[in-house]
Amino acid sequence: MKKYEVSIHMEKYMQHRMDEQKLSDWETNRKQIIERDDIAYPDLVRAEFHCYRNGTGKCFVPSEHLKQALINGGTQVKSKMGNSRKSMTNIVAGLFVVSPEHIDIRDFDTIDKRSAVNQNIKGRVMVIRPRWDNLDITFNVLVKNDTITNETVKEIIDQAGIMFGIGSYRPQHKGEFGVFEVTKFKEIK
């Protein structure tokens, strides 16, 4: 097993969390026509609906967001398997672990308010989300295989940051947020 300490920098990052209580209320009370009850709330309150917070009220990035970015980054990195070269995506999914589960970050800097198209109803809606500018986060990546080189792990993380990103409105969904660059990559012995 190999363990790495990784720090990344994002110029712009947004979150769009589905609030479990709101979803539960919506599912039990939905009718033919659905009217959003949060429309009358101020923008700050509406942005809070989408911010991940832990039990102490601190904002965080879920590790599964980074894990999914790494899995996607693995699609861009090929390795030799037998007589052919295959993507590392399944290897990353099975052998990479991102920790801690909740990566603490500071409170959001501003509120991002823009219109978006709801693909289910093909209708335009106003979306209000928390936004961070110049965000640095540090996390660990555990690789459960000693044969994967440090260079390959670094390339997977680099590709994840450039091509896919994390959070809301990231490149994977034709956006510009959540793109990250690696500022520190160190193997922990």
C-alpha atoms as a PDB file:
ATOM      1  CA  MET A   1       0.000   0.000   0.000  1.00  0.00           C
ATOM      2  CA  LYS A   2       1.054   3.540  -0.729  1.00  0.00           C
ATOM      3  CA  LYS A   3      -0.301   6.700   0.854  1.00  0.00           C
ATOM      4  CA  TYR A   4      -0.051  10.215  -0.553  1.00  0.00           C
ATOM      5  CA  GLU A   5      -0.729  13.664   0.820  1.00  0.00           C
ATOM      6  CA  VAL A   6      -2.271  15.801  -1.906  1.00  0.00           C
ATOM      7  CA  SER A   7      -3.057  19.517  -1.915  1.00  0.00           C
ATOM      8  CA  ILE A   8      -5.057  21.100  -4.714  1.00  0.00           C
ATOM      9  CA  HIS A   9      -6.024  24.647  -5.650  1.00  0.00           C
ATOM     10  CA  MET A  10      -9.281  25.696  -7.324  1.00  0.00           C
ATOM     11  CA  GLU A  11      -9.908  29.201  -8.599  1.00  0.00           C
ATOM     12  CA  LYS A  12     -13.695  28.687  -8.542  1.00  0.00           C
ATOM     13  CA  TYR A  13     -15.733  26.030  -6.745  1.00  0.00           C
ATOM     14  CA  MET A  14     -19.476  25.606  -6.159  1.00  0.00           C
ATOM     15  CA  GLN A  15     -21.594  23.034  -4.356  1.00  0.00           C
ATOM     16  CA  HIS A  16     -25.121  21.890  -5.106  1.00  0.00           C
ATOM     17  CA  ARG A  17     -26.169  19.429  -2.420  1.00  0.00           C
ATOM     18  CA  MET A  18     -29.629  17.885  -2.406  1.00  0.00           C
ATOM     19  CA  ASP A  19     -31.005  18.485   1.074  1.00  0.00           C
ATOM     20  CA  GLU A  20     -32.337  15.141   2.381  1.00  0.00           C
ATOM     21  CA  GLN A  21     -35.151  16.677   4.429  1.00  0.00           C
ATOM     22  CA  LYS A  22     -36.321  18.844   1.523  1.00  0.00           C
ATOM     23  CA  LEU A  23     -36.251  15.818  -0.793  1.00  0.00           C
ATOM     24  CA  SER A  24     -38.186  13.721   1.706  1.00  0.00           C
ATOM     25  CA  ASP A  25     -40.807  16.473   2.152  1.00  0.00           C
ATOM     26  CA  TRP A  26     -41.111  16.872  -1.601  1.00  0.00           C
ATOM     27  CA  GLU A  27     -41.563  13.145  -2.189  1.00  0.00           C
ATOM     28  CA  THR A  28     -44.323  12.805   0.420  1.00  0.00           C
ATOM     29  CA  ASN A  29     -46.191  15.976  -0.538  1.00  0.00           C
ATOM     30  CA  ARG A  30     -45.805  16.164  -4.315  1.00  0.00           C
ATOM     31  CA  LYS A  31     -48.873  16.704  -6.425  1.00  0.00           C
ATOM     32  CA  GLN A  32     -49.537  17.259 -10.114  1.00  0.00           C
ATOM     33  CA  ILE A  33     -48.188  20.841  -9.980  1.00  0.00           C
ATOM     34  CA  ILE A  34     -45.205  21.400  -7.722  1.00  0.00           C
ATOM     35  CA  GLU A  35     -44.584  24.839  -6.282  1.00  0.00           C
ATOM     36  CA  ARG A  36     -41.191  25.381  -4.708  1.00  0.00           C
ATOM     37  CA  ASP A  37     -41.510  26.409  -1.085  1.00  0.00           C
ATOM     38  CA  ASP A  38     -37.982  27.846  -0.950  1.00  0.00           C
ATOM     39  CA  ILE A  39     -38.712  30.551  -3.535  1.00  0.00           C
ATOM     40  CA  ALA A  40     -39.609  33.104  -0.851  1.00  0.00           C
ATOM     41  CA  TYR A  41     -36.400  32.550   1.130  1.00  0.00           C
ATOM     42  CA  PRO A  42     -33.565  35.081   0.872  1.00  0.00           C
ATOM     43  CA  ASP A  43     -30.644  34.109  -1.372  1.00  0.00           C
ATOM     44  CA  LEU A  44     -28.316  33.375   1.564  1.00  0.00           C
ATOM     45  CA  VAL A  45     -30.761  30.863   3.041  1.00  0.00           C
ATOM     46  CA  ARG A  46     -31.305  29.240  -0.360  1.00  0.00           C
ATOM     47  CA  ALA A  47     -27.535  28.937  -0.880  1.00  0.00           C
ATOM     48  CA  GLU A  48     -27.236  27.235   2.529  1.00  0.00           C
ATOM     49  CA  PHE A  49     -29.583  24.478   1.275  1.00  0.00           C
ATOM     50  CA  HIS A  50     -26.777  23.406  -1.081  1.00  0.00           C
ATOM     51  CA  CYS A  51     -23.747  23.691   1.226  1.00  0.00           C
ATOM     52  CA  TYR A  52     -22.296  20.542   2.794  1.00  0.00           C
ATOM     53  CA  ARG A  53     -21.858  21.117   6.547  1.00  0.00           C
ATOM     54  CA  ASN A  54     -20.686  18.698   9.214  1.00  0.00           C
ATOM     55  CA  GLY A  55     -22.106  18.283  12.731  1.00  0.00           C
ATOM     56  CA  THR A  56     -20.185  21.315  14.005  1.00  0.00           C
ATOM     57  CA  GLY A  57     -21.455  23.559  11.185  1.00  0.00           C
ATOM     58  CA  LYS A  58     -18.184  23.650   9.237  1.00  0.00           C
ATOM     59  CA  CYS A  59     -18.315  23.469   5.426  1.00  0.00           C
ATOM     60  CA  PHE A  60     -16.694  20.430   3.801  1.00  0.00           C
ATOM     61  CA  VAL A  61     -16.002  18.696   0.511  1.00  0.00           C
ATOM     62  CA  PRO A  62     -17.182  15.055   0.526  1.00  0.00           C
ATOM     63  CA  SER A  63     -14.351  12.629  -0.268  1.00  0.00           C
ATOM     64  CA  GLU A  64     -16.604  10.801  -2.736  1.00  0.00           C
ATOM     65  CA  HIS A  65     -16.527  13.882  -4.979  1.00  0.00           C
ATOM     66  CA  LEU A  66     -12.761  13.576  -5.251  1.00  0.00           C
ATOM     67  CA  LYS A  67     -12.939   9.787  -5.613  1.00  0.00           C
ATOM     68  CA  GLN A  68     -15.341  10.143  -8.546  1.00  0.00           C
ATOM     69  CA  ALA A  69     -13.048  12.728 -10.144  1.00  0.00           C
ATOM     70  CA  LEU A  70     -10.135  10.290  -9.776  1.00  0.00           C
ATOM     71  CA  ILE A  71     -12.171   7.466 -11.317  1.00  0.00           C
ATOM     72  CA  ASN A  72     -12.952   9.735 -14.264  1.00  0.00           C
ATOM     73  CA  GLY A  73      -9.290  10.811 -14.420  1.00  0.00           C
ATOM     74  CA  GLY A  74      -8.409   7.121 -14.696  1.00  0.00           C
ATOM     75  CA  THR A  75     -10.240   7.003 -18.039  1.00  0.00           C
ATOM     76  CA  GLN A  76      -7.547   9.299 -19.455  1.00  0.00           C
ATOM     77  CA  VAL A  77      -4.584   7.235 -18.231  1.00  0.00           C
ATOM     78  CA  LYS A  78      -3.750   3.945 -19.954  1.00  0.00           C
ATOM     79  CA  SER A  79      -1.707   1.074 -18.542  1.00  0.00           C
ATOM     80  CA  LYS A  80      -0.392  -2.132 -20.050  1.00  0.00           C
ATOM     81  CA  MET A  81      -2.554  -5.169 -19.278  1.00  0.00           C
ATOM     82  CA  GLY A  82      -1.421  -8.308 -21.040  1.00  0.00           C
ATOM     83  CA  ASN A  83      -0.984  -7.514 -24.730  1.00  0.00           C
ATOM     84  CA  SER A  84      -3.103  -4.352 -24.720  1.00  0.00           C
ATOM     85  CA  ARG A  85      -3.402  -0.996 -23.022  1.00  0.00           C
ATOM     86  CA  LYS A  86      -6.530  -0.286 -20.966  1.00  0.00           C
ATOM     87  CA  SER A  87      -7.803   2.674 -18.989  1.00  0.00           C
ATOM     88  CA  MET A  88      -7.106   2.817 -15.257  1.00  0.00           C
ATOM     89  CA  THR A  89     -10.711   3.635 -14.353  1.00  0.00           C
ATOM     90  CA  ASN A  90     -11.600   0.242 -12.817  1.00  0.00           C
ATOM     91  CA  ILE A  91      -8.265   0.089 -11.018  1.00  0.00           C
ATOM     92  CA  VAL A  92      -8.839   3.533  -9.508  1.00  0.00           C
ATOM     93  CA  ALA A  93     -12.384   2.561  -8.483  1.00  0.00           C
ATOM     94  CA  GLY A  94     -11.186  -0.547  -6.698  1.00  0.00           C
ATOM     95  CA  LEU A  95      -7.795   0.425  -5.299  1.00  0.00           C
ATOM     96  CA  PHE A  96      -7.895   4.170  -4.506  1.00  0.00           C
ATOM     97  CA  VAL A  97      -9.324   5.524  -1.234  1.00  0.00           C
ATOM     98  CA  VAL A  98      -9.680   9.260  -0.495  1.00  0.00           C
ATOM     99  CA  SER A  99      -9.678  10.397   3.127  1.00  0.00           C
ATOM    100  CA  PRO A 100     -10.867  11.983   5.343  1.00  0.00           C
ATOM    101  CA  GLU A 101     -14.532  11.426   4.502  1.00  0.00           C
ATOM    102  CA  HIS A 102     -15.305  15.118   5.108  1.00  0.00           C
ATOM    103  CA  ILE A 103     -12.542  17.484   3.970  1.00  0.00           C
ATOM    104  CA  ASP A 104     -13.045  20.711   5.932  1.00  0.00           C
ATOM    105  CA  ILE A 105     -13.015  24.029   4.080  1.00  0.00           C
ATOM    106  CA  ARG A 106     -13.755  27.632   5.059  1.00  0.00           C
ATOM    107  CA  ASP A 107     -17.227  29.184   4.769  1.00  0.00           C
ATOM    108  CA  PHE A 108     -18.238  30.143   1.245  1.00  0.00           C
ATOM    109  CA  ASP A 109     -17.155  33.511  -0.159  1.00  0.00           C
ATOM    110  CA  THR A 110     -20.218  34.505  -2.111  1.00  0.00           C
ATOM    111  CA  ILE A 111     -23.491  33.347  -3.588  1.00  0.00           C
ATOM    112  CA  ASP A 112     -23.696  32.374  -7.246  1.00  0.00           C
ATOM    113  CA  LYS A 113     -27.062  33.131  -8.805  1.00  0.00           C
ATOM    114  CA  ARG A 114     -27.705  32.138 -12.415  1.00  0.00           C
ATOM    115  CA  SER A 115     -30.399  30.624 -14.550  1.00  0.00           C
ATOM    116  CA  ALA A 116     -30.208  26.970 -15.541  1.00  0.00           C
ATOM    117  CA  VAL A 117     -32.329  24.520 -17.485  1.00  0.00           C
ATOM    118  CA  ASN A 118     -34.023  21.724 -15.552  1.00  0.00           C
ATOM    119  CA  GLN A 119     -33.510  18.760 -17.902  1.00  0.00           C
ATOM    120  CA  ASN A 120     -36.546  16.913 -16.520  1.00  0.00           C
ATOM    121  CA  ILE A 121     -39.061  19.589 -17.434  1.00  0.00           C
ATOM    122  CA  LYS A 122     -36.979  21.497 -20.008  1.00  0.00           C
ATOM    123  CA  GLY A 123     -37.793  24.653 -18.065  1.00  0.00           C
ATOM    124  CA  ARG A 124     -35.475  27.464 -17.047  1.00  0.00           C
ATOM    125  CA  VAL A 125     -35.082  28.047 -13.304  1.00  0.00           C
ATOM    126  CA  MET A 126     -32.982  30.295 -11.091  1.00  0.00           C
ATOM    127  CA  VAL A 127     -30.259  28.381  -9.237  1.00  0.00           C
ATOM    128  CA  ILE A 128     -28.580  29.816  -6.145  1.00  0.00           C
ATOM    129  CA  ARG A 129     -25.472  28.045  -4.843  1.00  0.00           C
ATOM    130  CA  PRO A 130     -22.580  28.721  -2.451  1.00  0.00           C
ATOM    131  CA  ARG A 131     -19.328  29.680  -4.200  1.00  0.00           C
ATOM    132  CA  TRP A 132     -15.692  29.690  -3.102  1.00  0.00           C
ATOM    133  CA  ASP A 133     -12.890  31.593  -4.829  1.00  0.00           C
ATOM    134  CA  ASN A 134      -9.239  30.520  -4.583  1.00  0.00           C
ATOM    135  CA  LEU A 135      -9.892  27.447  -2.468  1.00  0.00           C
ATOM    136  CA  ASP A 136      -7.063  25.179  -1.300  1.00  0.00           C
ATOM    137  CA  ILE A 137      -7.778  21.742   0.151  1.00  0.00           C
ATOM    138  CA  THR A 138      -5.568  18.922   1.390  1.00  0.00           C
ATOM    139  CA  PHE A 139      -6.494  15.244   1.536  1.00  0.00           C
ATOM    140  CA  ASN A 140      -4.924  11.783   1.473  1.00  0.00           C
ATOM    141  CA  VAL A 141      -5.040   9.165  -1.252  1.00  0.00           C
ATOM    142  CA  LEU A 142      -4.427   5.546  -0.276  1.00  0.00           C
ATOM    143  CA  VAL A 143      -3.509   3.227  -3.157  1.00  0.00           C
ATOM    144  CA  LYS A 144      -3.960  -0.441  -2.206  1.00  0.00           C
ATOM    145  CA  ASN A 145      -1.343  -1.692  -4.671  1.00  0.00           C
ATOM    146  CA  ASP A 146       2.422  -1.199  -4.638  1.00  0.00           C
ATOM    147  CA  THR A 147       2.888  -1.786  -8.378  1.00  0.00           C
ATOM    148  CA  ILE A 148       1.173   1.465  -9.410  1.00  0.00           C
ATOM    149  CA  THR A 149       3.913   4.067  -9.801  1.00  0.00           C
ATOM    150  CA  ASN A 150       3.933   7.501  -8.184  1.00  0.00           C
ATOM    151  CA  GLU A 151       3.987   9.043 -11.675  1.00  0.00           C
ATOM    152  CA  THR A 152       0.815   7.165 -12.663  1.00  0.00           C
ATOM    153  CA  VAL A 153      -1.024   8.237  -9.491  1.00  0.00           C
ATOM    154  CA  LYS A 154       0.030  11.866 -10.068  1.00  0.00           C
ATOM    155  CA  GLU A 155      -1.088  11.709 -13.714  1.00  0.00           C
ATOM    156  CA  ILE A 156      -4.516  10.363 -12.698  1.00  0.00           C
ATOM    157  CA  ILE A 157      -4.963  13.211 -10.190  1.00  0.00           C
ATOM    158  CA  ASP A 158      -3.774  15.774 -12.759  1.00  0.00           C
ATOM    159  CA  GLN A 159      -6.199  14.466 -15.406  1.00  0.00           C
ATOM    160  CA  ALA A 160      -9.046  14.447 -12.872  1.00  0.00           C
ATOM    161  CA  GLY A 161      -8.422  18.125 -12.129  1.00  0.00           C
ATOM    162  CA  ILE A 162      -8.013  19.272 -15.715  1.00  0.00           C
ATOM    163  CA  MET A 163     -10.706  17.238 -17.469  1.00  0.00           C
ATOM    164  CA  PHE A 164     -13.393  16.575 -14.861  1.00  0.00           C
ATOM    165  CA  GLY A 165     -13.150  18.720 -11.712  1.00  0.00           C
ATOM    166  CA  ILE A 166     -15.406  18.533  -8.660  1.00  0.00           C
ATOM    167  CA  GLY A 167     -18.550  20.245  -7.420  1.00  0.00           C
ATOM    168  CA  SER A 168     -21.306  21.950  -9.326  1.00  0.00           C
ATOM    169  CA  TYR A 169     -20.942  23.352 -12.870  1.00  0.00           C
ATOM    170  CA  ARG A 170     -17.679  21.450 -13.463  1.00  0.00           C
ATOM    171  CA  PRO A 171     -16.138  20.673 -16.893  1.00  0.00           C
ATOM    172  CA  GLN A 172     -17.668  17.202 -16.889  1.00  0.00           C
ATOM    173  CA  HIS A 173     -21.037  18.995 -17.130  1.00  0.00           C
ATOM    174  CA  LYS A 174     -19.850  21.684 -19.572  1.00  0.00           C
ATOM    175  CA  GLY A 175     -19.050  24.195 -16.822  1.00  0.00           C
ATOM    176  CA  GLU A 176     -15.966  26.037 -15.685  1.00  0.00           C
ATOM    177  CA  PHE A 177     -15.973  25.524 -11.907  1.00  0.00           C
ATOM    178  CA  GLY A 178     -14.186  22.871  -9.826  1.00  0.00           C
ATOM    179  CA  VAL A 179     -11.125  22.614 -12.069  1.00  0.00           C
ATOM    180  CA  PHE A 180      -8.104  21.995  -9.866  1.00  0.00           C
ATOM    181  CA  GLU A 181      -4.345  21.865 -10.060  1.00  0.00           C
ATOM    182  CA  VAL A 182      -2.103  19.842  -7.790  1.00  0.00           C
ATOM    183  CA  THR A 183       0.055  22.071  -5.576  1.00  0.00           C
ATOM    184  CA  LYS A 184       1.493  19.293  -3.404  1.00  0.00           C
ATOM    185  CA  PHE A 185       1.960  15.605  -4.072  1.00  0.00           C
ATOM    186  CA  LYS A 186       3.985  13.710  -1.511  1.00  0.00           C
ATOM    187  CA  GLU A 187       4.208  10.039  -0.680  1.00  0.00           C
ATOM    188  CA  ILE A 188       3.811   9.411   3.047  1.00  0.00           C
ATOM    189  CA  LYS A 189       6.102   6.641   4.314  1.00  0.00           C
END
